[in-house]
Amino acid sequence: MLDRAIQHARGELEVDDILVGVGGGRIGILAQEEGDTLELLFAFEVNPYPRRSVFNIIAMGGKNFAGFAACYALIDKLASTMGASVVRCYCRPSMARHIKHLMPEAKEAYIVMEREVRHAGLH
């Protein structure tokens, strides 16, 4: 299920990398089920910074993203238990609009810029 989410990433990781992180205790996975059907799956990590910790949603996949809003209280509880004071995700503009629609209290925190590193020799 996460493989569809990874297709929209920019090459940071593959599903196998997430599983290795889960095995090493660095990445967590949460799943939402409806009866016997897996509806939503997401991977997260907690990034500690000097002044606060961030519960970062790395990847999310499924067929019921609207169901994510229903489990937001659980996410808040988990994030708080893990010492995080904010929930964050990096996403495409279309997903940001969807998140804002489902959770109006969500705010845009940054605009992320990226460019490939030029491989120049060091002198």
Protein backbone atom coordinates (compact mmCIF):
# COMPACT_ATOMS: atom_id res chain seq x y z
CA MET A 1 0.00 0.00 0.00
CA LEU A 2 2.88 2.40 0.69
CA ASP A 3 4.35 1.69 -2.74
CA ARG A 4 1.77 4.02 -4.33
CA ALA A 5 2.79 6.81 -1.95
CA ILE A 6 6.47 6.24 -2.71
CA GLN A 7 5.75 6.70 -6.43
CA HIS A 8 5.06 10.37 -5.65
CA ALA A 9 8.24 10.85 -3.61
CA ARG A 10 11.43 12.32 -4.99
CA GLY A 11 13.67 9.28 -4.54
CA GLU A 12 14.31 9.63 -0.81
CA LEU A 13 13.34 6.05 -0.01
CA GLU A 14 11.69 2.85 -1.13
CA VAL A 15 9.22 0.68 0.77
CA ASP A 16 12.08 -1.67 1.73
CA ASP A 17 13.87 1.29 3.36
CA ILE A 18 10.78 1.95 5.47
CA LEU A 19 10.67 -1.70 6.54
CA VAL A 20 14.35 -1.60 7.51
CA GLY A 21 13.62 1.54 9.57
CA VAL A 22 10.70 -0.23 11.26
CA GLY A 23 12.96 -3.20 12.08
CA GLY A 24 15.54 -0.82 13.54
CA GLY A 25 12.98 1.06 15.63
CA ARG A 26 13.50 4.37 13.80
CA ILE A 27 10.25 4.30 11.81
CA GLY A 28 6.75 3.35 12.95
CA ILE A 29 3.76 2.15 10.96
CA LEU A 30 0.09 2.78 11.74
CA ALA A 31 -2.78 1.08 9.96
CA GLN A 32 -6.48 1.82 9.82
CA GLU A 33 -8.79 -1.10 9.11
CA GLU A 34 -12.47 -1.24 8.27
CA GLY A 35 -13.62 -4.73 9.19
CA ASP A 36 -11.08 -7.04 7.55
CA THR A 37 -10.00 -4.47 4.98
CA LEU A 38 -6.87 -2.36 5.30
CA GLU A 39 -7.99 1.17 4.43
CA LEU A 40 -5.02 3.37 5.26
CA LEU A 41 -1.38 2.82 6.13
CA PHE A 42 1.22 5.37 7.04
CA ALA A 43 4.83 5.45 8.14
CA PHE A 44 6.18 8.00 10.61
CA GLU A 45 9.30 9.01 12.50
CA VAL A 46 9.95 11.40 15.36
CA ASN A 47 12.61 14.01 14.66
CA PRO A 48 14.01 15.58 17.83
CA TYR A 49 15.20 19.17 17.49
CA PRO A 50 16.75 21.26 20.28
CA ARG A 51 13.52 23.16 21.06
CA ARG A 52 10.80 20.67 20.05
CA SER A 53 10.21 17.27 18.52
CA VAL A 54 8.30 16.66 15.29
CA PHE A 55 6.12 13.65 14.51
CA ASN A 56 6.86 13.44 10.79
CA ILE A 57 4.58 11.43 8.53
CA ILE A 58 6.94 9.98 5.93
CA ALA A 59 4.51 8.18 3.63
CA MET A 60 0.81 7.48 3.53
CA GLY A 61 -1.15 5.15 1.27
CA GLY A 62 -4.62 3.80 1.04
CA LYS A 63 -8.03 4.26 -0.43
CA ASN A 64 -9.68 6.24 2.33
CA PHE A 65 -7.66 9.35 3.07
CA ALA A 66 -10.76 10.96 4.55
CA GLY A 67 -10.48 8.27 7.24
CA PHE A 68 -7.17 9.83 8.28
CA ALA A 69 -9.06 12.70 9.92
CA ALA A 70 -11.00 10.18 12.01
CA CYS A 71 -7.80 8.76 13.50
CA TYR A 72 -6.21 12.17 14.12
CA ALA A 73 -6.90 11.97 17.87
CA LEU A 74 -4.95 8.70 17.96
CA ILE A 75 -2.10 10.32 16.03
CA ASP A 76 -2.05 13.22 18.49
CA LYS A 77 -1.97 10.81 21.42
CA LEU A 78 0.83 8.77 19.86
CA ALA A 79 2.82 11.89 18.94
CA SER A 80 2.42 13.28 22.46
CA THR A 81 3.44 9.97 24.04
CA MET A 82 6.57 10.01 21.87
CA GLY A 83 7.42 13.55 23.02
CA ALA A 84 6.40 15.39 19.84
CA SER A 85 4.66 18.74 19.95
CA VAL A 86 3.70 18.96 16.27
CA VAL A 87 2.63 16.61 13.45
CA ARG A 88 4.22 17.36 10.08
CA CYS A 89 4.34 15.93 6.59
CA TYR A 90 5.99 16.93 3.35
CA CYS A 91 3.49 16.65 0.53
CA ARG A 92 2.51 17.76 -2.93
CA PRO A 93 0.35 20.90 -3.30
CA SER A 94 -2.72 18.79 -4.19
CA MET A 95 -2.32 16.78 -0.97
CA ALA A 96 -1.80 19.97 1.03
CA ARG A 97 -5.15 21.28 -0.23
CA HIS A 98 -6.81 18.00 0.72
CA ILE A 99 -5.26 18.07 4.21
CA LYS A 100 -6.37 21.68 4.68
CA HIS A 101 -9.90 20.69 3.66
CA LEU A 102 -10.01 17.78 6.14
CA MET A 103 -8.14 19.56 8.93
CA PRO A 104 -8.64 23.35 8.69
CA GLU A 105 -6.34 23.91 11.69
CA ALA A 106 -3.35 22.59 9.69
CA LYS A 107 -0.99 25.36 8.61
CA GLU A 108 1.61 25.57 5.89
CA ALA A 109 4.92 25.58 7.75
CA TYR A 110 7.49 25.77 4.96
CA ILE A 111 7.89 25.74 1.24
CA VAL A 112 10.59 23.19 0.51
CA MET A 113 13.08 23.96 -2.24
CA GLU A 114 15.34 21.30 -3.69
CA ARG A 115 18.07 20.98 -6.27
CA GLU A 116 20.49 18.22 -7.16
CA VAL A 117 24.03 18.53 -5.77
CA ARG A 118 26.54 19.33 -8.47
CA HIS A 119 29.43 16.90 -8.41
CA ALA A 120 32.35 19.29 -8.55
CA GLY A 121 35.79 18.28 -7.39
CA LEU A 122 37.14 19.78 -4.18
CA HIS A 123 40.46 21.62 -4.44
